[in-house]
Amino acid sequence: MKSFQELLASSAETHGHLCPGQAVGVRMAMLGCRLVGLDDPSSQKQIKKIIVYVEMDRCAADAVAHVTGVKLGRRSLKFMDYGIMAATFIRLDTGKAFRIISTEESRDLTAVYAPEVDDKSAQQVAAYCKMPDAVLFRVQNVYLHLNPWDLPGPTRRKATCSRCGQVVRDHREVTEDGKILCRPCSKGCYFSHPREIIWPEMNWAPSPV
């Protein structure tokens, strides 16, 4: 695995800026990989051996994904909307899994580890680059039950919503009163009142290369 400084620099470039979350996320991912025994998780040999669950949609999540190489489209990155600065790393061929949580105490200790820095954000970055893992994180050995339809690979199941006709993949359909429904047609959805529209230049397509 590359050095912390190399990973922090490339992660910040990919993310768009250097911030405290980048420092925490890179450290979190490096520790997670060490704990599950992967030294080059984004390589061809190891890329299919890891799944990461992130529990926040903040800067640290981008850093974790950058270091580990996990992606939503590869089904190796899972987002759990808990609002907690934490991530769980599971190695698929061994089943070993560790949940790493950023401590609140680390935020209170930034002035202790980087007293020479006045700016709050810069002080946090500097401190998180120095703190021992034991100060920055809590670690839990956990067990994850992975359903086959949650694993990377081709689509394992398709179902059709009985109400709108939408095809639902990977066992994400809902059954209500014996009827198969997509989640938007079932209870609860992040949008409401959908209606089909037409739009300007709707027949546009890319030009052949």
N, C-alpha and C. Protein backbone atom coordinates (compact mmCIF):
# COMPACT_ATOMS: atom_id res chain seq x y z
N MET A 1 0.84 -1.19 0.00
CA MET A 1 0.00 0.00 0.00
C MET A 1 0.88 1.25 0.00
N LYS A 2 0.42 2.29 -0.67
CA LYS A 2 1.16 3.54 -0.70
C LYS A 2 1.21 4.16 0.69
N SER A 3 2.09 5.13 0.86
CA SER A 3 2.23 5.79 2.16
C SER A 3 1.00 6.64 2.45
N PHE A 4 0.83 6.98 3.73
CA PHE A 4 -0.30 7.82 4.13
C PHE A 4 -0.28 9.16 3.40
N GLN A 5 0.87 9.78 3.31
CA GLN A 5 0.96 11.09 2.67
C GLN A 5 0.60 11.01 1.19
N GLU A 6 1.04 9.94 0.51
CA GLU A 6 0.69 9.77 -0.91
C GLU A 6 -0.82 9.57 -1.07
N LEU A 7 -1.40 8.74 -0.23
CA LEU A 7 -2.83 8.47 -0.32
C LEU A 7 -3.65 9.70 0.04
N LEU A 8 -3.20 10.46 1.04
CA LEU A 8 -3.92 11.67 1.42
C LEU A 8 -3.91 12.68 0.28
N ALA A 9 -2.76 12.85 -0.35
CA ALA A 9 -2.64 13.81 -1.45
C ALA A 9 -3.53 13.40 -2.64
N SER A 10 -3.51 12.14 -3.02
CA SER A 10 -4.31 11.71 -4.17
C SER A 10 -5.79 11.70 -3.84
N SER A 11 -6.13 11.37 -2.60
CA SER A 11 -7.53 11.38 -2.19
C SER A 11 -8.08 12.80 -2.19
N ALA A 12 -7.32 13.75 -1.66
CA ALA A 12 -7.75 15.14 -1.64
C ALA A 12 -7.92 15.68 -3.06
N GLU A 13 -7.02 15.28 -3.96
CA GLU A 13 -7.13 15.73 -5.35
C GLU A 13 -8.41 15.18 -5.99
N THR A 14 -8.68 13.91 -5.75
CA THR A 14 -9.89 13.30 -6.30
C THR A 14 -11.14 13.91 -5.70
N HIS A 15 -11.11 14.15 -4.40
CA HIS A 15 -12.26 14.70 -3.68
C HIS A 15 -12.51 16.17 -4.03
N GLY A 16 -11.42 16.89 -4.29
CA GLY A 16 -11.56 18.30 -4.65
C GLY A 16 -10.91 19.26 -3.68
N HIS A 17 -10.62 18.80 -2.48
CA HIS A 17 -9.92 19.65 -1.52
C HIS A 17 -9.44 18.81 -0.35
N LEU A 18 -8.47 19.35 0.38
CA LEU A 18 -7.96 18.70 1.59
C LEU A 18 -8.76 19.21 2.78
N CYS A 19 -9.29 18.29 3.57
CA CYS A 19 -10.11 18.67 4.71
C CYS A 19 -9.92 17.63 5.81
N PRO A 20 -10.40 17.90 7.02
CA PRO A 20 -10.26 16.93 8.11
C PRO A 20 -10.85 15.56 7.77
N GLY A 21 -11.98 15.55 7.08
CA GLY A 21 -12.60 14.28 6.72
C GLY A 21 -11.73 13.42 5.83
N GLN A 22 -10.94 14.06 4.98
CA GLN A 22 -10.02 13.29 4.13
C GLN A 22 -8.95 12.61 4.97
N ALA A 23 -8.40 13.33 5.94
CA ALA A 23 -7.37 12.74 6.80
C ALA A 23 -7.94 11.57 7.60
N VAL A 24 -9.14 11.76 8.17
CA VAL A 24 -9.76 10.69 8.95
C VAL A 24 -10.10 9.50 8.05
N GLY A 25 -10.67 9.76 6.88
CA GLY A 25 -11.07 8.68 5.99
C GLY A 25 -9.91 7.85 5.47
N VAL A 26 -8.81 8.52 5.12
CA VAL A 26 -7.63 7.79 4.64
C VAL A 26 -7.06 6.93 5.76
N ARG A 27 -6.96 7.50 6.97
CA ARG A 27 -6.47 6.74 8.12
C ARG A 27 -7.39 5.55 8.41
N MET A 28 -8.69 5.78 8.36
CA MET A 28 -9.68 4.74 8.62
C MET A 28 -9.55 3.59 7.62
N ALA A 29 -9.40 3.93 6.35
CA ALA A 29 -9.29 2.91 5.32
C ALA A 29 -7.98 2.13 5.44
N MET A 30 -6.90 2.82 5.73
CA MET A 30 -5.62 2.13 5.89
C MET A 30 -5.67 1.15 7.05
N LEU A 31 -6.28 1.57 8.16
CA LEU A 31 -6.41 0.68 9.31
C LEU A 31 -7.32 -0.50 8.98
N GLY A 32 -8.44 -0.23 8.32
CA GLY A 32 -9.35 -1.30 7.95
C GLY A 32 -8.69 -2.35 7.07
N CYS A 33 -7.91 -1.90 6.12
CA CYS A 33 -7.22 -2.83 5.23
C CYS A 33 -6.18 -3.65 5.98
N ARG A 34 -5.47 -3.01 6.90
CA ARG A 34 -4.49 -3.75 7.70
C ARG A 34 -5.18 -4.82 8.54
N LEU A 35 -6.31 -4.47 9.12
CA LEU A 35 -7.01 -5.41 10.00
C LEU A 35 -7.54 -6.63 9.24
N VAL A 36 -8.00 -6.43 8.02
CA VAL A 36 -8.52 -7.59 7.25
C VAL A 36 -7.43 -8.27 6.44
N GLY A 37 -6.22 -7.69 6.44
CA GLY A 37 -5.09 -8.35 5.79
C GLY A 37 -4.95 -8.11 4.32
N LEU A 38 -5.34 -6.90 3.85
CA LEU A 38 -5.17 -6.54 2.45
C LEU A 38 -4.20 -5.37 2.34
N ASP A 39 -3.17 -5.52 1.51
CA ASP A 39 -2.17 -4.46 1.41
C ASP A 39 -2.28 -3.65 0.12
N ASP A 40 -3.13 -4.10 -0.80
CA ASP A 40 -3.31 -3.39 -2.07
C ASP A 40 -4.73 -3.63 -2.56
N PRO A 41 -5.73 -3.11 -1.84
CA PRO A 41 -7.12 -3.49 -2.09
C PRO A 41 -7.67 -3.13 -3.46
N SER A 42 -7.09 -2.12 -4.11
CA SER A 42 -7.59 -1.73 -5.42
C SER A 42 -6.93 -2.49 -6.57
N SER A 43 -6.00 -3.39 -6.26
CA SER A 43 -5.33 -4.17 -7.30
C SER A 43 -6.25 -5.26 -7.84
N GLN A 44 -5.94 -5.78 -9.01
CA GLN A 44 -6.75 -6.82 -9.63
C GLN A 44 -6.85 -8.06 -8.75
N LYS A 45 -5.78 -8.36 -8.00
CA LYS A 45 -5.76 -9.56 -7.18
C LYS A 45 -6.65 -9.44 -5.94
N GLN A 46 -6.83 -8.21 -5.46
CA GLN A 46 -7.53 -8.03 -4.18
C GLN A 46 -8.87 -7.30 -4.30
N ILE A 47 -9.16 -6.69 -5.45
CA ILE A 47 -10.33 -5.84 -5.58
C ILE A 47 -11.64 -6.57 -5.31
N LYS A 48 -11.67 -7.88 -5.57
CA LYS A 48 -12.91 -8.65 -5.36
C LYS A 48 -12.97 -9.29 -3.97
N LYS A 49 -12.03 -8.94 -3.12
CA LYS A 49 -11.98 -9.55 -1.79
C LYS A 49 -12.55 -8.66 -0.70
N ILE A 50 -12.96 -7.44 -1.04
CA ILE A 50 -13.36 -6.50 0.01
C ILE A 50 -14.69 -5.82 -0.31
N ILE A 51 -15.48 -5.66 0.73
CA ILE A 51 -16.67 -4.81 0.70
C ILE A 51 -16.56 -3.85 1.88
N VAL A 52 -16.94 -2.61 1.65
CA VAL A 52 -16.90 -1.61 2.72
C VAL A 52 -18.28 -0.98 2.88
N TYR A 53 -18.74 -0.92 4.11
CA TYR A 53 -19.98 -0.23 4.46
C TYR A 53 -19.60 1.11 5.10
N VAL A 54 -20.01 2.21 4.50
CA VAL A 54 -19.78 3.52 5.11
C VAL A 54 -21.09 4.01 5.71
N GLU A 55 -21.00 4.69 6.84
CA GLU A 55 -22.19 5.07 7.59
C GLU A 55 -22.46 6.57 7.55
N MET A 56 -21.79 7.28 6.62
CA MET A 56 -22.01 8.71 6.50
C MET A 56 -21.76 9.14 5.07
N ASP A 57 -22.49 10.15 4.60
CA ASP A 57 -22.23 10.68 3.26
C ASP A 57 -21.50 12.01 3.39
N ARG A 58 -20.28 11.91 3.91
CA ARG A 58 -19.42 13.06 4.13
C ARG A 58 -18.06 12.81 3.47
N CYS A 59 -17.16 13.77 3.65
CA CYS A 59 -15.86 13.72 2.98
C CYS A 59 -15.10 12.43 3.25
N ALA A 60 -15.21 11.93 4.47
CA ALA A 60 -14.47 10.71 4.82
C ALA A 60 -14.87 9.53 3.95
N ALA A 61 -16.12 9.49 3.54
CA ALA A 61 -16.58 8.37 2.70
C ALA A 61 -15.84 8.35 1.37
N ASP A 62 -15.60 9.52 0.78
CA ASP A 62 -14.84 9.59 -0.46
C ASP A 62 -13.41 9.08 -0.25
N ALA A 63 -12.83 9.43 0.89
CA ALA A 63 -11.46 8.99 1.17
C ALA A 63 -11.39 7.48 1.35
N VAL A 64 -12.35 6.92 2.05
CA VAL A 64 -12.40 5.47 2.25
C VAL A 64 -12.51 4.76 0.90
N ALA A 65 -13.39 5.26 0.04
CA ALA A 65 -13.56 4.65 -1.28
C ALA A 65 -12.29 4.79 -2.12
N HIS A 66 -11.62 5.94 -2.02
CA HIS A 66 -10.41 6.16 -2.80
C HIS A 66 -9.31 5.18 -2.41
N VAL A 67 -9.09 5.02 -1.13
CA VAL A 67 -8.01 4.15 -0.66
C VAL A 67 -8.29 2.68 -0.97
N THR A 68 -9.52 2.26 -0.78
CA THR A 68 -9.86 0.84 -0.94
C THR A 68 -10.22 0.45 -2.37
N GLY A 69 -10.62 1.45 -3.17
CA GLY A 69 -11.02 1.15 -4.54
C GLY A 69 -12.45 0.64 -4.66
N VAL A 70 -13.21 0.63 -3.55
CA VAL A 70 -14.59 0.14 -3.62
C VAL A 70 -15.47 1.16 -4.34
N LYS A 71 -16.51 0.65 -5.00
CA LYS A 71 -17.40 1.52 -5.77
C LYS A 71 -18.84 1.03 -5.68
N LEU A 72 -19.77 1.98 -5.75
CA LEU A 72 -21.18 1.60 -5.78
C LEU A 72 -21.49 0.73 -6.99
N GLY A 73 -20.96 1.10 -8.15
CA GLY A 73 -21.24 0.36 -9.37
C GLY A 73 -20.65 -1.03 -9.38
N ARG A 74 -19.66 -1.25 -8.55
CA ARG A 74 -19.04 -2.57 -8.43
C ARG A 74 -19.71 -3.37 -7.31
N ARG A 75 -20.62 -2.72 -6.59
CA ARG A 75 -21.35 -3.32 -5.48
C ARG A 75 -20.44 -3.66 -4.32
N SER A 76 -19.27 -3.05 -4.27
CA SER A 76 -18.35 -3.29 -3.16
C SER A 76 -18.40 -2.15 -2.14
N LEU A 77 -19.10 -1.06 -2.48
CA LEU A 77 -19.31 0.05 -1.55
C LEU A 77 -20.79 0.08 -1.17
N LYS A 78 -21.06 -0.01 0.12
CA LYS A 78 -22.43 0.01 0.62
C LYS A 78 -22.61 1.25 1.50
N PHE A 79 -23.70 1.98 1.27
CA PHE A 79 -23.98 3.18 2.05
C PHE A 79 -25.09 2.91 3.04
N MET A 80 -24.78 3.06 4.31
CA MET A 80 -25.76 2.94 5.38
C MET A 80 -25.95 4.34 5.97
N ASP A 81 -27.13 4.88 5.85
CA ASP A 81 -27.36 6.27 6.22
C ASP A 81 -27.61 6.42 7.72
N TYR A 82 -26.52 6.24 8.52
CA TYR A 82 -26.62 6.29 9.96
C TYR A 82 -26.19 7.65 10.54
N GLY A 83 -25.48 8.46 9.75
CA GLY A 83 -24.97 9.71 10.27
C GLY A 83 -23.84 9.53 11.26
N ILE A 84 -23.12 8.42 11.17
CA ILE A 84 -22.02 8.11 12.08
C ILE A 84 -20.72 8.06 11.28
N MET A 85 -19.68 8.69 11.81
CA MET A 85 -18.38 8.67 11.14
C MET A 85 -17.73 7.31 11.38
N ALA A 86 -18.18 6.34 10.60
CA ALA A 86 -17.72 4.97 10.79
C ALA A 86 -17.77 4.22 9.48
N ALA A 87 -17.00 3.14 9.41
CA ALA A 87 -17.01 2.26 8.24
C ALA A 87 -16.66 0.85 8.68
N THR A 88 -17.26 -0.12 8.01
CA THR A 88 -16.97 -1.52 8.29
C THR A 88 -16.33 -2.14 7.06
N PHE A 89 -15.24 -2.85 7.30
CA PHE A 89 -14.45 -3.47 6.24
C PHE A 89 -14.57 -4.99 6.39
N ILE A 90 -15.02 -5.67 5.34
CA ILE A 90 -15.13 -7.12 5.39
C ILE A 90 -14.33 -7.74 4.25
N ARG A 91 -13.55 -8.72 4.61
CA ARG A 91 -12.80 -9.49 3.61
C ARG A 91 -13.62 -10.72 3.25
N LEU A 92 -14.00 -10.82 1.99
CA LEU A 92 -14.97 -11.82 1.57
C LEU A 92 -14.45 -13.24 1.65
N ASP A 93 -13.17 -13.47 1.40
CA ASP A 93 -12.68 -14.85 1.38
C ASP A 93 -12.40 -15.40 2.77
N THR A 94 -12.39 -14.55 3.79
CA THR A 94 -12.17 -15.03 5.15
C THR A 94 -13.35 -14.73 6.08
N GLY A 95 -14.18 -13.76 5.70
CA GLY A 95 -15.29 -13.36 6.54
C GLY A 95 -14.91 -12.41 7.66
N LYS A 96 -13.62 -12.09 7.78
CA LYS A 96 -13.20 -11.15 8.83
C LYS A 96 -13.78 -9.77 8.57
N ALA A 97 -14.32 -9.15 9.61
CA ALA A 97 -14.93 -7.84 9.46
C ALA A 97 -14.67 -6.99 10.69
N PHE A 98 -14.34 -5.72 10.44
CA PHE A 98 -14.06 -4.79 11.51
C PHE A 98 -14.76 -3.47 11.25
N ARG A 99 -15.43 -2.95 12.26
CA ARG A 99 -16.09 -1.65 12.20
C ARG A 99 -15.20 -0.63 12.91
N ILE A 100 -14.87 0.44 12.21
CA ILE A 100 -13.98 1.47 12.74
C ILE A 100 -14.78 2.76 12.90
N ILE A 101 -14.75 3.32 14.11
CA ILE A 101 -15.53 4.51 14.43
C ILE A 101 -14.58 5.64 14.81
N SER A 102 -14.75 6.80 14.22
CA SER A 102 -13.97 7.98 14.58
C SER A 102 -14.43 8.48 15.95
N THR A 103 -13.51 8.71 16.86
CA THR A 103 -13.87 9.10 18.22
C THR A 103 -14.17 10.59 18.33
N GLU A 104 -15.08 10.93 19.21
CA GLU A 104 -15.34 12.34 19.50
C GLU A 104 -14.19 12.94 20.27
N GLU A 105 -13.50 12.12 21.06
CA GLU A 105 -12.36 12.62 21.83
C GLU A 105 -11.27 13.18 20.94
N SER A 106 -11.10 12.59 19.76
CA SER A 106 -10.06 13.06 18.85
C SER A 106 -10.29 14.51 18.43
N ARG A 107 -11.56 14.89 18.30
CA ARG A 107 -11.88 16.27 17.95
C ARG A 107 -11.50 17.24 19.07
N ASP A 108 -11.62 16.76 20.31
CA ASP A 108 -11.28 17.61 21.45
C ASP A 108 -9.78 17.74 21.65
N LEU A 109 -9.02 16.84 21.03
CA LEU A 109 -7.57 16.81 21.26
C LEU A 109 -6.76 17.43 20.13
N THR A 110 -7.42 18.04 19.16
CA THR A 110 -6.68 18.58 18.02
C THR A 110 -5.68 19.66 18.44
N ALA A 111 -6.06 20.49 19.40
CA ALA A 111 -5.15 21.55 19.86
C ALA A 111 -3.94 20.97 20.59
N VAL A 112 -4.11 19.79 21.18
CA VAL A 112 -3.00 19.14 21.88
C VAL A 112 -1.98 18.60 20.88
N TYR A 113 -2.47 18.04 19.78
CA TYR A 113 -1.58 17.42 18.79
C TYR A 113 -1.04 18.41 17.76
N ALA A 114 -1.71 19.53 17.58
CA ALA A 114 -1.23 20.53 16.60
C ALA A 114 -1.40 21.95 17.16
N PRO A 115 -0.75 22.25 18.28
CA PRO A 115 -0.91 23.57 18.91
C PRO A 115 -0.33 24.71 18.07
N GLU A 116 0.55 24.37 17.15
CA GLU A 116 1.21 25.39 16.34
C GLU A 116 0.34 25.92 15.21
N VAL A 117 -0.80 25.28 14.98
CA VAL A 117 -1.68 25.68 13.88
C VAL A 117 -2.88 26.44 14.45
N ASP A 118 -3.14 27.63 13.92
CA ASP A 118 -4.22 28.47 14.43
C ASP A 118 -5.57 28.17 13.79
N ASP A 119 -5.58 28.04 12.47
CA ASP A 119 -6.84 27.79 11.77
C ASP A 119 -7.43 26.45 12.21
N LYS A 120 -8.73 26.44 12.54
CA LYS A 120 -9.36 25.25 13.10
C LYS A 120 -9.32 24.06 12.16
N SER A 121 -9.70 24.27 10.90
CA SER A 121 -9.72 23.17 9.94
C SER A 121 -8.31 22.63 9.68
N ALA A 122 -7.37 23.54 9.48
CA ALA A 122 -5.99 23.13 9.25
C ALA A 122 -5.41 22.43 10.48
N GLN A 123 -5.81 22.88 11.65
CA GLN A 123 -5.36 22.25 12.89
C GLN A 123 -5.88 20.82 12.99
N GLN A 124 -7.14 20.61 12.60
CA GLN A 124 -7.70 19.26 12.62
C GLN A 124 -6.96 18.34 11.65
N VAL A 125 -6.69 18.84 10.45
CA VAL A 125 -5.96 18.03 9.48
C VAL A 125 -4.59 17.65 10.03
N ALA A 126 -3.87 18.63 10.56
CA ALA A 126 -2.53 18.37 11.10
C ALA A 126 -2.58 17.38 12.24
N ALA A 127 -3.57 17.53 13.12
CA ALA A 127 -3.67 16.64 14.28
C ALA A 127 -4.04 15.22 13.87
N TYR A 128 -4.97 15.09 12.93
CA TYR A 128 -5.38 13.76 12.50
C TYR A 128 -4.28 13.02 11.75
N CYS A 129 -3.32 13.77 11.25
CA CYS A 129 -2.16 13.15 10.59
C CYS A 129 -1.15 12.64 11.61
N LYS A 130 -1.27 13.10 12.86
CA LYS A 130 -0.28 12.74 13.90
C LYS A 130 -0.82 11.75 14.92
N MET A 131 -2.09 11.79 15.19
CA MET A 131 -2.66 10.98 16.27
C MET A 131 -2.44 9.49 16.07
N PRO A 132 -2.18 8.76 17.16
CA PRO A 132 -2.15 7.30 17.05
C PRO A 132 -3.54 6.77 16.69
N ASP A 133 -3.59 5.63 16.05
CA ASP A 133 -4.88 5.03 15.70
C ASP A 133 -5.77 4.87 16.94
N ALA A 134 -5.14 4.53 18.08
CA ALA A 134 -5.91 4.27 19.30
C ALA A 134 -6.61 5.51 19.82
N VAL A 135 -6.11 6.69 19.47
CA VAL A 135 -6.75 7.94 19.88
C VAL A 135 -7.82 8.33 18.87
N LEU A 136 -7.52 8.11 17.61
CA LEU A 136 -8.40 8.55 16.52
C LEU A 136 -9.62 7.64 16.34
N PHE A 137 -9.47 6.35 16.70
CA PHE A 137 -10.54 5.39 16.40
C PHE A 137 -10.87 4.45 17.55
N ARG A 138 -12.11 3.96 17.51
CA ARG A 138 -12.52 2.76 18.24
C ARG A 138 -12.71 1.68 17.19
N VAL A 139 -12.38 0.44 17.53
CA VAL A 139 -12.50 -0.66 16.57
C VAL A 139 -13.34 -1.78 17.18
N GLN A 140 -14.27 -2.28 16.40
CA GLN A 140 -15.11 -3.41 16.81
C GLN A 140 -14.95 -4.56 15.83
N ASN A 141 -14.73 -5.75 16.38
CA ASN A 141 -14.76 -6.97 15.56
C ASN A 141 -16.23 -7.34 15.40
N VAL A 142 -16.73 -7.39 14.16
CA VAL A 142 -18.16 -7.60 13.94
C VAL A 142 -18.39 -8.78 13.00
N TYR A 143 -19.65 -9.23 12.98
CA TYR A 143 -20.06 -10.28 12.05
C TYR A 143 -21.07 -9.69 11.08
N LEU A 144 -20.91 -9.96 9.80
CA LEU A 144 -21.84 -9.51 8.79
C LEU A 144 -22.44 -10.71 8.08
N HIS A 145 -23.76 -10.73 8.03
CA HIS A 145 -24.44 -11.76 7.23
C HIS A 145 -24.70 -11.15 5.85
N LEU A 146 -24.00 -11.66 4.86
CA LEU A 146 -24.14 -11.14 3.50
C LEU A 146 -25.07 -12.02 2.70
N ASN A 147 -26.17 -11.43 2.24
CA ASN A 147 -27.07 -12.16 1.35
C ASN A 147 -26.44 -12.28 -0.04
N PRO A 148 -26.71 -13.35 -0.74
CA PRO A 148 -26.13 -13.51 -2.08
C PRO A 148 -26.42 -12.34 -3.01
N TRP A 149 -27.60 -11.73 -2.87
CA TRP A 149 -27.96 -10.63 -3.76
C TRP A 149 -27.30 -9.30 -3.39
N ASP A 150 -26.52 -9.30 -2.30
CA ASP A 150 -25.76 -8.10 -1.93
C ASP A 150 -24.33 -8.14 -2.44
N LEU A 151 -23.91 -9.27 -2.98
CA LEU A 151 -22.51 -9.45 -3.37
C LEU A 151 -22.24 -8.90 -4.77
N PRO A 152 -20.96 -8.56 -5.03
CA PRO A 152 -20.59 -8.14 -6.39
C PRO A 152 -20.86 -9.26 -7.39
N GLY A 153 -21.07 -8.86 -8.64
CA GLY A 153 -21.31 -9.87 -9.67
C GLY A 153 -22.54 -9.52 -10.48
N PRO A 154 -22.91 -10.39 -11.41
CA PRO A 154 -24.06 -10.11 -12.28
C PRO A 154 -25.37 -10.10 -11.51
N THR A 155 -26.40 -9.51 -12.12
CA THR A 155 -27.73 -9.48 -11.51
C THR A 155 -28.22 -10.90 -11.27
N ARG A 156 -28.63 -11.18 -10.03
CA ARG A 156 -29.04 -12.54 -9.68
C ARG A 156 -30.55 -12.72 -9.66
N ARG A 157 -31.28 -11.63 -9.76
CA ARG A 157 -32.73 -11.76 -9.68
C ARG A 157 -33.37 -10.53 -10.31
N LYS A 158 -34.45 -10.76 -11.03
CA LYS A 158 -35.24 -9.66 -11.56
C LYS A 158 -36.71 -9.92 -11.24
N ALA A 159 -37.41 -8.86 -10.89
CA ALA A 159 -38.84 -8.96 -10.65
C ALA A 159 -39.50 -7.76 -11.30
N THR A 160 -40.77 -7.85 -11.57
CA THR A 160 -41.50 -6.76 -12.23
C THR A 160 -42.59 -6.24 -11.32
N CYS A 161 -42.62 -4.94 -11.14
CA CYS A 161 -43.63 -4.30 -10.30
C CYS A 161 -45.01 -4.49 -10.92
N SER A 162 -45.94 -4.98 -10.14
CA SER A 162 -47.28 -5.24 -10.66
C SER A 162 -48.08 -3.95 -10.88
N ARG A 163 -47.61 -2.85 -10.33
CA ARG A 163 -48.35 -1.60 -10.46
C ARG A 163 -47.85 -0.74 -11.63
N CYS A 164 -46.53 -0.54 -11.72
CA CYS A 164 -46.01 0.35 -12.77
C CYS A 164 -45.23 -0.37 -13.86
N GLY A 165 -44.93 -1.65 -13.67
CA GLY A 165 -44.23 -2.42 -14.69
C GLY A 165 -42.72 -2.27 -14.66
N GLN A 166 -42.19 -1.55 -13.67
CA GLN A 166 -40.74 -1.35 -13.57
C GLN A 166 -40.04 -2.66 -13.18
N VAL A 167 -38.92 -2.95 -13.87
CA VAL A 167 -38.11 -4.11 -13.51
C VAL A 167 -37.27 -3.74 -12.29
N VAL A 168 -37.28 -4.60 -11.29
CA VAL A 168 -36.52 -4.39 -10.05
C VAL A 168 -35.47 -5.49 -9.95
N ARG A 169 -34.23 -5.09 -9.73
CA ARG A 169 -33.12 -6.04 -9.72
C ARG A 169 -32.62 -6.31 -8.29
N ASP A 170 -31.93 -7.45 -8.18
CA ASP A 170 -31.18 -7.79 -6.97
C ASP A 170 -32.04 -7.87 -5.72
N HIS A 171 -33.24 -8.42 -5.85
CA HIS A 171 -34.09 -8.73 -4.70
C HIS A 171 -34.50 -7.48 -3.91
N ARG A 172 -34.65 -6.35 -4.62
CA ARG A 172 -35.04 -5.12 -3.94
C ARG A 172 -36.55 -4.86 -4.04
N GLU A 173 -37.30 -5.82 -4.57
CA GLU A 173 -38.74 -5.64 -4.65
C GLU A 173 -39.39 -5.83 -3.28
N VAL A 174 -40.63 -5.38 -3.18
CA VAL A 174 -41.42 -5.52 -1.95
C VAL A 174 -42.68 -6.30 -2.29
N THR A 175 -43.08 -7.19 -1.42
CA THR A 175 -44.32 -7.94 -1.62
C THR A 175 -45.37 -7.45 -0.62
N GLU A 176 -46.49 -6.98 -1.13
CA GLU A 176 -47.59 -6.50 -0.30
C GLU A 176 -48.89 -7.14 -0.78
N ASP A 177 -49.57 -7.79 0.14
CA ASP A 177 -50.83 -8.46 -0.19
C ASP A 177 -50.67 -9.41 -1.38
N GLY A 178 -49.52 -10.07 -1.41
CA GLY A 178 -49.26 -11.05 -2.46
C GLY A 178 -48.84 -10.45 -3.79
N LYS A 179 -48.68 -9.11 -3.85
CA LYS A 179 -48.29 -8.45 -5.09
C LYS A 179 -46.87 -7.92 -5.00
N ILE A 180 -46.13 -8.07 -6.10
CA ILE A 180 -44.76 -7.56 -6.17
C ILE A 180 -44.80 -6.08 -6.54
N LEU A 181 -44.12 -5.26 -5.76
CA LEU A 181 -44.05 -3.82 -6.02
C LEU A 181 -42.62 -3.34 -5.97
N CYS A 182 -42.31 -2.32 -6.78
CA CYS A 182 -41.05 -1.61 -6.61
C CYS A 182 -41.19 -0.71 -5.38
N ARG A 183 -40.09 -0.28 -4.81
CA ARG A 183 -40.19 0.52 -3.59
C ARG A 183 -40.87 1.86 -3.78
N PRO A 184 -40.68 2.55 -4.92
CA PRO A 184 -41.44 3.79 -5.11
C PRO A 184 -42.95 3.59 -5.11
N CYS A 185 -43.41 2.41 -5.55
CA CYS A 185 -44.85 2.13 -5.54
C CYS A 185 -45.32 1.58 -4.19
N SER A 186 -44.36 1.23 -3.35
CA SER A 186 -44.70 0.72 -2.03
C SER A 186 -44.72 1.87 -1.03
N LYS A 187 -44.63 1.56 0.23
CA LYS A 187 -44.68 2.59 1.27
C LYS A 187 -43.33 3.28 1.40
N GLY A 188 -43.34 4.59 1.33
CA GLY A 188 -42.12 5.34 1.59
C GLY A 188 -41.21 5.46 0.38
N CYS A 189 -40.83 6.68 0.06
CA CYS A 189 -39.95 6.93 -1.08
C CYS A 189 -39.36 8.32 -0.91
N TYR A 190 -38.21 8.57 -1.52
CA TYR A 190 -37.58 9.87 -1.36
C TYR A 190 -38.17 10.94 -2.28
N PHE A 191 -39.06 10.55 -3.20
CA PHE A 191 -39.73 11.54 -4.05
C PHE A 191 -41.23 11.27 -4.02
N SER A 192 -42.00 12.20 -4.59
CA SER A 192 -43.45 12.01 -4.63
C SER A 192 -44.02 12.61 -5.92
N HIS A 193 -45.24 12.24 -6.25
CA HIS A 193 -45.97 12.76 -7.40
C HIS A 193 -45.19 12.66 -8.72
N PRO A 194 -44.66 11.49 -9.07
CA PRO A 194 -43.95 11.36 -10.34
C PRO A 194 -44.89 11.46 -11.53
N ARG A 195 -44.44 12.12 -12.58
CA ARG A 195 -45.22 12.16 -13.82
C ARG A 195 -44.25 12.21 -14.99
N GLU A 196 -44.56 11.46 -16.01
CA GLU A 196 -43.69 11.38 -17.18
C GLU A 196 -43.74 12.71 -17.94
N ILE A 197 -42.58 13.13 -18.47
CA ILE A 197 -42.52 14.38 -19.22
C ILE A 197 -41.81 14.15 -20.54
N ILE A 198 -41.94 15.12 -21.44
CA ILE A 198 -41.06 15.21 -22.60
C ILE A 198 -40.17 16.41 -22.37
N TRP A 199 -39.02 16.46 -23.06
CA TRP A 199 -38.07 17.54 -22.81
C TRP A 199 -37.47 18.00 -24.13
N PRO A 200 -36.94 19.22 -24.15
CA PRO A 200 -36.34 19.73 -25.39
C PRO A 200 -35.21 18.82 -25.87
N GLU A 201 -35.12 18.67 -27.17
CA GLU A 201 -34.08 17.85 -27.79
C GLU A 201 -34.06 16.43 -27.23
N MET A 202 -35.23 15.86 -27.03
CA MET A 202 -35.31 14.53 -26.42
C MET A 202 -34.81 13.44 -27.36
N ASN A 203 -34.60 13.75 -28.63
CA ASN A 203 -34.07 12.76 -29.56
C ASN A 203 -32.56 12.86 -29.75
N TRP A 204 -31.91 13.69 -28.90
CA TRP A 204 -30.45 13.81 -28.99
C TRP A 204 -29.76 12.51 -28.65
N ALA A 205 -28.66 12.22 -29.35
CA ALA A 205 -27.80 11.06 -29.05
C ALA A 205 -26.38 11.44 -29.40
N PRO A 206 -25.38 10.86 -28.74
CA PRO A 206 -23.99 11.19 -29.05
C PRO A 206 -23.66 10.85 -30.50
N SER A 207 -22.78 11.64 -31.07
CA SER A 207 -22.33 11.37 -32.44
C SER A 207 -21.40 10.16 -32.43
N PRO A 208 -21.43 9.35 -33.47
CA PRO A 208 -20.51 8.20 -33.54
C PRO A 208 -19.07 8.68 -33.49
N VAL A 209 -18.23 7.91 -32.83
CA VAL A 209 -16.80 8.26 -32.72
C VAL A 209 -16.11 7.96 -34.04
